[in-house]
C-alpha cells in the first residue's frame, strides 16, 4: 500500500490482513514477509494436527442449542477473541471503531425506511453486514444480507426489514459497549486505545 492510516490498518487487520508493506519497498522486505507468513502457516498447521490427534469429549456449542430468542447474545465473544488471536489491545481498538462508525446506523436505517429510500437502505444494510463480519456474528450478518437484498430488489417489506435490522444493530452496539467495559480499570485494559 502507498498510504495506510490507523483506521485503514484496523480495517485491514479485521479483514484478515497479517502484514502491511508500504510502498516503495525493497524486494528483500517483501520476500522476508512472505517467508514469515509461510512459517506462521506451517506452525499453525502443525499445531492443528497435534490438537486433532488428542481425543476429546464432544461438547455441543451453546449457539447450537439456543433458540434465536430476543434476549440471546448476538456476539460469541470467545469466537471473536479467537478470531483475532486473542489480542486484547486490538480488540479494544476495533470495538471502539465499531461504536464510532456505527453510532448513527440504526437511526439512519429507520429514517431510510420511513422515506422508503431503497438505495439508502441497501447501502446501510451492506455497511451493517460488514460490521457483523468483523464481529463474527452470523445472525446479524444474515439479517443484514436479507435486508440488503430486499432493498435492492425493491421488495414491499424492505422498510420493515430495515427497521428489524436497526433494532438488532442497537442491541449489537449495546453488547459491544458492555464488552468494552470489561477492558476498563477493574476489568482489564483501560479505554485509552480508542481510535480518534
C-alpha atoms as a PDB file:
ATOM      1  CA  UNK A   1       0.000   0.000   0.000  1.00  0.00           C
ATOM      2  CA  UNK A   2       1.051   3.582  -0.602  1.00  0.00           C
ATOM      3  CA  UNK A   3      -0.901   5.061   2.318  1.00  0.00           C
ATOM      4  CA  UNK A   4      -2.353   3.440   5.419  1.00  0.00           C
ATOM      5  CA  UNK A   5      -3.713   5.384   8.391  1.00  0.00           C
ATOM      6  CA  UNK A   6      -4.746   3.817  11.704  1.00  0.00           C
ATOM      7  CA  UNK A   7      -8.379   3.260  10.678  1.00  0.00           C
ATOM      8  CA  UNK A   8      -7.397   1.556   7.423  1.00  0.00           C
ATOM      9  CA  UNK A   9      -4.844  -0.545   9.302  1.00  0.00           C
ATOM     10  CA  UNK A  10      -7.540  -1.726  11.734  1.00  0.00           C
ATOM     11  CA  UNK A  11      -9.939  -2.488   8.902  1.00  0.00           C
ATOM     12  CA  UNK A  12      -7.221  -4.436   7.113  1.00  0.00           C
ATOM     13  CA  UNK A  13      -6.418  -6.442  10.247  1.00  0.00           C
ATOM     14  CA  UNK A  14     -10.128  -7.082  10.807  1.00  0.00           C
ATOM     15  CA  UNK A  15     -10.350  -8.447   7.261  1.00  0.00           C
ATOM     16  CA  UNK A  16      -7.524 -10.868   7.992  1.00  0.00           C
ATOM     17  CA  UNK A  17      -4.510  -8.986   6.637  1.00  0.00           C
ATOM     18  CA  UNK A  18      -1.445 -10.214   8.532  1.00  0.00           C
ATOM     19  CA  UNK A  19       1.202  -7.802   7.220  1.00  0.00           C
ATOM     20  CA  UNK A  20       1.176  -4.422   5.511  1.00  0.00           C
ATOM     21  CA  UNK A  21       4.162  -3.419   3.403  1.00  0.00           C
ATOM     22  CA  UNK A  22       4.428   0.246   2.476  1.00  0.00           C
ATOM     23  CA  UNK A  23       5.498   1.421  -0.956  1.00  0.00           C
ATOM     24  CA  UNK A  24       8.180   1.731  -2.054  1.00  0.00           C
ATOM     25  CA  UNK A  25       9.529  -1.493  -0.622  1.00  0.00           C
ATOM     26  CA  UNK A  26      12.682  -3.439  -1.284  1.00  0.00           C
ATOM     27  CA  UNK A  27      12.328  -6.884  -2.837  1.00  0.00           C
ATOM     28  CA  UNK A  28      14.106  -8.316   0.206  1.00  0.00           C
ATOM     29  CA  UNK A  29      11.463  -6.844   2.525  1.00  0.00           C
ATOM     30  CA  UNK A  30       8.678  -8.465   0.503  1.00  0.00           C
ATOM     31  CA  UNK A  31      10.476 -11.821   0.470  1.00  0.00           C
ATOM     32  CA  UNK A  32      11.039 -11.697   4.233  1.00  0.00           C
ATOM     33  CA  UNK A  33       7.323 -11.029   4.802  1.00  0.00           C
ATOM     34  CA  UNK A  34       6.337 -13.977   2.597  1.00  0.00           C
ATOM     35  CA  UNK A  35       8.737 -16.268   4.466  1.00  0.00           C
ATOM     36  CA  UNK A  36       7.383 -15.108   7.842  1.00  0.00           C
ATOM     37  CA  UNK A  37       3.789 -15.747   6.786  1.00  0.00           C
ATOM     38  CA  UNK A  38       4.679 -19.165   5.354  1.00  0.00           C
ATOM     39  CA  UNK A  39       6.410 -20.127   8.608  1.00  0.00           C
ATOM     40  CA  UNK A  40       3.400 -18.934  10.657  1.00  0.00           C
ATOM     41  CA  UNK A  41       1.100 -21.032   8.474  1.00  0.00           C
ATOM     42  CA  UNK A  42       3.302 -24.093   8.863  1.00  0.00           C
ATOM     43  CA  UNK A  43       3.446 -23.656  12.654  1.00  0.00           C
ATOM     44  CA  UNK A  44      -0.341 -23.327  12.901  1.00  0.00           C
ATOM     45  CA  UNK A  45      -0.777 -26.358  10.670  1.00  0.00           C
ATOM     46  CA  UNK A  46       1.436 -28.469  12.945  1.00  0.00           C
ATOM     47  CA  UNK A  47      -0.483 -27.237  15.991  1.00  0.00           C
ATOM     48  CA  UNK A  48      -3.802 -28.188  14.396  1.00  0.00           C
ATOM     49  CA  UNK A  49      -2.524 -31.682  13.581  1.00  0.00           C
ATOM     50  CA  UNK A  50      -1.319 -32.163  17.174  1.00  0.00           C
ATOM     51  CA  UNK A  51      -4.644 -31.000  18.589  1.00  0.00           C
ATOM     52  CA  UNK A  52      -6.539 -33.306  16.229  1.00  0.00           C
ATOM     53  CA  UNK A  53      -4.579 -36.307  17.496  1.00  0.00           C
ATOM     54  CA  UNK A  54      -5.719 -35.751  21.091  1.00  0.00           C
ATOM     55  CA  UNK A  55      -9.132 -37.333  21.777  1.00  0.00           C
ATOM     56  CA  UNK A  56     -11.601 -35.014  23.451  1.00  0.00           C
ATOM     57  CA  UNK A  57     -15.192 -35.166  24.578  1.00  0.00           C
ATOM     58  CA  UNK A  58     -17.685 -33.702  22.162  1.00  0.00           C
ATOM     59  CA  UNK A  59     -19.271 -30.634  23.718  1.00  0.00           C
ATOM     60  CA  UNK A  60     -22.183 -29.072  21.831  1.00  0.00           C
ATOM     61  CA  UNK A  61     -21.917 -25.332  21.447  1.00  0.00           C
ATOM     62  CA  UNK A  62     -24.319 -23.089  23.305  1.00  0.00           C
ATOM     63  CA  UNK A  63     -25.244 -21.485  19.982  1.00  0.00           C
ATOM     64  CA  UNK A  64     -26.375 -24.807  18.530  1.00  0.00           C
ATOM     65  CA  UNK A  65     -28.798 -25.433  21.402  1.00  0.00           C
ATOM     66  CA  UNK A  66     -30.023 -21.887  21.943  1.00  0.00           C
ATOM     67  CA  UNK A  67     -33.107 -20.712  20.070  1.00  0.00           C
ATOM     68  CA  UNK A  68     -32.889 -17.327  18.418  1.00  0.00           C
ATOM     69  CA  UNK A  69     -34.592 -15.701  21.375  1.00  0.00           C
ATOM     70  CA  UNK A  70     -34.754 -11.939  21.603  1.00  0.00           C
ATOM     71  CA  UNK A  71     -32.549 -11.954  24.706  1.00  0.00           C
ATOM     72  CA  UNK A  72     -29.891 -14.323  23.309  1.00  0.00           C
ATOM     73  CA  UNK A  73     -26.412 -12.821  22.955  1.00  0.00           C
ATOM     74  CA  UNK A  74     -25.663 -11.709  19.418  1.00  0.00           C
ATOM     75  CA  UNK A  75     -21.878 -11.978  19.658  1.00  0.00           C
ATOM     76  CA  UNK A  76     -19.893 -15.064  20.587  1.00  0.00           C
ATOM     77  CA  UNK A  77     -17.041 -13.302  22.370  1.00  0.00           C
ATOM     78  CA  UNK A  78     -14.974 -16.461  22.687  1.00  0.00           C
ATOM     79  CA  UNK A  79     -15.060 -16.926  18.911  1.00  0.00           C
ATOM     80  CA  UNK A  80     -14.433 -13.205  18.392  1.00  0.00           C
ATOM     81  CA  UNK A  81     -11.335 -13.232  20.594  1.00  0.00           C
ATOM     82  CA  UNK A  82     -10.019 -16.413  18.990  1.00  0.00           C
ATOM     83  CA  UNK A  83     -10.579 -14.966  15.510  1.00  0.00           C
ATOM     84  CA  UNK A  84      -8.270 -12.078  16.342  1.00  0.00           C
ATOM     85  CA  UNK A  85      -5.671 -14.319  18.001  1.00  0.00           C
ATOM     86  CA  UNK A  86      -6.627 -13.158  21.499  1.00  0.00           C
ATOM     87  CA  UNK A  87      -5.087  -9.693  21.137  1.00  0.00           C
ATOM     88  CA  UNK A  88      -6.953  -7.543  23.703  1.00  0.00           C
ATOM     89  CA  UNK A  89      -5.377  -4.250  22.621  1.00  0.00           C
ATOM     90  CA  UNK A  90      -6.517  -4.829  19.046  1.00  0.00           C
ATOM     91  CA  UNK A  91      -9.978  -5.931  20.205  1.00  0.00           C
ATOM     92  CA  UNK A  92     -10.424  -2.681  22.150  1.00  0.00           C
ATOM     93  CA  UNK A  93      -9.390  -0.592  19.147  1.00  0.00           C
ATOM     94  CA  UNK A  94     -11.698  -2.485  16.802  1.00  0.00           C
ATOM     95  CA  UNK A  95     -14.678  -2.303  19.176  1.00  0.00           C
ATOM     96  CA  UNK A  96     -14.187   1.431  19.679  1.00  0.00           C
ATOM     97  CA  UNK A  97     -14.025   1.830  15.908  1.00  0.00           C
ATOM     98  CA  UNK A  98     -17.296  -0.103  15.545  1.00  0.00           C
ATOM     99  CA  UNK A  99     -19.040   2.126  18.092  1.00  0.00           C
ATOM    100  CA  UNK A 100     -17.755   5.264  16.411  1.00  0.00           C
ATOM    101  CA  UNK A 101     -18.509   4.167  12.850  1.00  0.00           C
ATOM    102  CA  UNK A 102     -21.995   2.803  13.567  1.00  0.00           C
ATOM    103  CA  UNK A 103     -23.268   5.276  16.165  1.00  0.00           C
ATOM    104  CA  UNK A 104     -25.975   6.531  13.769  1.00  0.00           C
ATOM    105  CA  UNK A 105     -26.554   3.412  11.664  1.00  0.00           C
ATOM    106  CA  UNK A 106     -29.792   2.350  13.403  1.00  0.00           C
ATOM    107  CA  UNK A 107     -31.213   5.861  13.251  1.00  0.00           C
ATOM    108  CA  UNK A 108     -30.303   6.201   9.572  1.00  0.00           C
ATOM    109  CA  UNK A 109     -31.836   2.805   8.761  1.00  0.00           C
ATOM    110  CA  UNK A 110     -35.122   3.889  10.345  1.00  0.00           C
ATOM    111  CA  UNK A 111     -35.018   7.210   8.510  1.00  0.00           C
ATOM    112  CA  UNK A 112     -34.407   5.462   5.174  1.00  0.00           C
ATOM    113  CA  UNK A 113     -37.253   3.024   5.921  1.00  0.00           C
ATOM    114  CA  UNK A 114     -39.585   5.908   6.790  1.00  0.00           C
ATOM    115  CA  UNK A 115     -38.889   7.634   3.468  1.00  0.00           C
ATOM    116  CA  UNK A 116     -38.757   4.303   1.567  1.00  0.00           C
ATOM    117  CA  UNK A 117     -35.280   5.200   0.307  1.00  0.00           C
ATOM    118  CA  UNK A 118     -34.335   1.795  -1.094  1.00  0.00           C
ATOM    119  CA  UNK A 119     -30.863   2.822  -2.220  1.00  0.00           C
ATOM    120  CA  UNK A 120     -30.012   4.177   1.227  1.00  0.00           C
ATOM    121  CA  UNK A 121     -31.454   1.101   2.948  1.00  0.00           C
ATOM    122  CA  UNK A 122     -29.325  -1.166   0.760  1.00  0.00           C
ATOM    123  CA  UNK A 123     -26.180   0.852   1.461  1.00  0.00           C
ATOM    124  CA  UNK A 124     -26.739   0.892   5.230  1.00  0.00           C
ATOM    125  CA  UNK A 125     -27.589  -2.807   5.347  1.00  0.00           C
ATOM    126  CA  UNK A 126     -24.390  -3.560   3.439  1.00  0.00           C
ATOM    127  CA  UNK A 127     -22.470  -1.367   5.910  1.00  0.00           C
ATOM    128  CA  UNK A 128     -24.006  -3.270   8.839  1.00  0.00           C
ATOM    129  CA  UNK A 129     -23.182  -6.569   7.152  1.00  0.00           C
ATOM    130  CA  UNK A 130     -19.510  -5.613   7.112  1.00  0.00           C
ATOM    131  CA  UNK A 131     -19.642  -4.757  10.802  1.00  0.00           C
ATOM    132  CA  UNK A 132     -21.275  -8.113  11.559  1.00  0.00           C
ATOM    133  CA  UNK A 133     -18.478  -9.869   9.724  1.00  0.00           C
ATOM    134  CA  UNK A 134     -15.836  -8.068  11.777  1.00  0.00           C
ATOM    135  CA  UNK A 135     -17.680  -9.021  14.986  1.00  0.00           C
ATOM    136  CA  UNK A 136     -18.120 -12.663  13.946  1.00  0.00           C
ATOM    137  CA  UNK A 137     -21.904 -12.623  14.369  1.00  0.00           C
ATOM    138  CA  UNK A 138     -23.546 -14.747  11.696  1.00  0.00           C
ATOM    139  CA  UNK A 139     -27.102 -13.876  12.757  1.00  0.00           C
ATOM    140  CA  UNK A 140     -26.679 -10.148  12.182  1.00  0.00           C
ATOM    141  CA  UNK A 141     -24.694 -10.797   9.022  1.00  0.00           C
ATOM    142  CA  UNK A 142     -27.581 -12.838   7.617  1.00  0.00           C
ATOM    143  CA  UNK A 143     -30.212 -10.332   8.776  1.00  0.00           C
ATOM    144  CA  UNK A 144     -28.273  -7.516   7.111  1.00  0.00           C
ATOM    145  CA  UNK A 145     -27.877  -9.607   3.966  1.00  0.00           C
ATOM    146  CA  UNK A 146     -31.633 -10.215   3.824  1.00  0.00           C
ATOM    147  CA  UNK A 147     -32.364  -6.508   4.353  1.00  0.00           C
ATOM    148  CA  UNK A 148     -29.891  -5.521   1.663  1.00  0.00           C
ATOM    149  CA  UNK A 149     -31.324  -7.982  -0.874  1.00  0.00           C
ATOM    150  CA  UNK A 150     -34.878  -6.829  -0.126  1.00  0.00           C
ATOM    151  CA  UNK A 151     -33.947  -3.187  -0.650  1.00  0.00           C
ATOM    152  CA  UNK A 152     -32.064  -3.863  -3.872  1.00  0.00           C
ATOM    153  CA  UNK A 153     -34.994  -5.895  -5.209  1.00  0.00           C
ATOM    154  CA  UNK A 154     -37.487  -3.212  -4.191  1.00  0.00           C
ATOM    155  CA  UNK A 155     -39.493  -5.663  -2.098  1.00  0.00           C
ATOM    156  CA  UNK A 156     -42.576  -4.322  -0.364  1.00  0.00           C
ATOM    157  CA  UNK A 157     -41.353  -5.364   3.084  1.00  0.00           C
ATOM    158  CA  UNK A 158     -37.876  -3.860   2.636  1.00  0.00           C
ATOM    159  CA  UNK A 159     -38.633  -0.966   5.060  1.00  0.00           C
ATOM    160  CA  UNK A 160     -39.723  -3.422   7.765  1.00  0.00           C
ATOM    161  CA  UNK A 161     -36.590  -5.498   7.257  1.00  0.00           C
ATOM    162  CA  UNK A 162     -34.519  -2.333   7.581  1.00  0.00           C
ATOM    163  CA  UNK A 163     -36.302  -1.483  10.846  1.00  0.00           C
ATOM    164  CA  UNK A 164     -35.713  -5.028  12.146  1.00  0.00           C
ATOM    165  CA  UNK A 165     -32.039  -4.664  11.319  1.00  0.00           C
ATOM    166  CA  UNK A 166     -31.911  -1.273  13.061  1.00  0.00           C
ATOM    167  CA  UNK A 167     -33.196  -2.831  16.287  1.00  0.00           C
ATOM    168  CA  UNK A 168     -30.580  -5.573  16.136  1.00  0.00           C
ATOM    169  CA  UNK A 169     -27.796  -3.079  15.371  1.00  0.00           C
ATOM    170  CA  UNK A 170     -28.728  -1.176  18.532  1.00  0.00           C
ATOM    171  CA  UNK A 171     -28.568  -4.386  20.573  1.00  0.00           C
ATOM    172  CA  UNK A 172     -25.262  -5.272  18.972  1.00  0.00           C
ATOM    173  CA  UNK A 173     -23.747  -1.916  19.908  1.00  0.00           C
ATOM    174  CA  UNK A 174     -25.040  -2.343  23.464  1.00  0.00           C
ATOM    175  CA  UNK A 175     -23.187  -5.667  23.661  1.00  0.00           C
ATOM    176  CA  UNK A 176     -20.052  -4.009  22.306  1.00  0.00           C
ATOM    177  CA  UNK A 177     -20.296  -1.283  24.964  1.00  0.00           C
ATOM    178  CA  UNK A 178     -20.639  -3.885  27.717  1.00  0.00           C
ATOM    179  CA  UNK A 179     -17.659  -5.796  26.338  1.00  0.00           C
ATOM    180  CA  UNK A 180     -15.548  -2.640  26.306  1.00  0.00           C
ATOM    181  CA  UNK A 181     -16.440  -2.020  29.958  1.00  0.00           C
ATOM    182  CA  UNK A 182     -14.747  -5.340  30.770  1.00  0.00           C
ATOM    183  CA  UNK A 183     -11.470  -3.911  29.484  1.00  0.00           C
ATOM    184  CA  UNK A 184     -11.578  -0.787  31.648  1.00  0.00           C
ATOM    185  CA  UNK A 185      -9.938  -0.464  35.088  1.00  0.00           C
ATOM    186  CA  UNK A 186     -11.041  -3.387  37.208  1.00  0.00           C
ATOM    187  CA  UNK A 187     -11.862  -5.485  34.163  1.00  0.00           C
ATOM    188  CA  UNK A 188      -8.738  -5.459  32.019  1.00  0.00           C
ATOM    189  CA  UNK A 189      -7.394  -2.850  29.639  1.00  0.00           C
ATOM    190  CA  UNK A 190      -8.106   0.842  30.115  1.00  0.00           C
ATOM    191  CA  UNK A 191     -10.029   2.680  27.434  1.00  0.00           C
ATOM    192  CA  UNK A 192      -7.089   4.758  26.292  1.00  0.00           C
ATOM    193  CA  UNK A 193      -6.802   2.937  23.000  1.00  0.00           C
ATOM    194  CA  UNK A 194      -9.812   4.482  21.292  1.00  0.00           C
ATOM    195  CA  UNK A 195      -9.436   5.478  17.657  1.00  0.00           C
ATOM    196  CA  UNK A 196      -9.654   9.217  17.039  1.00  0.00           C
END
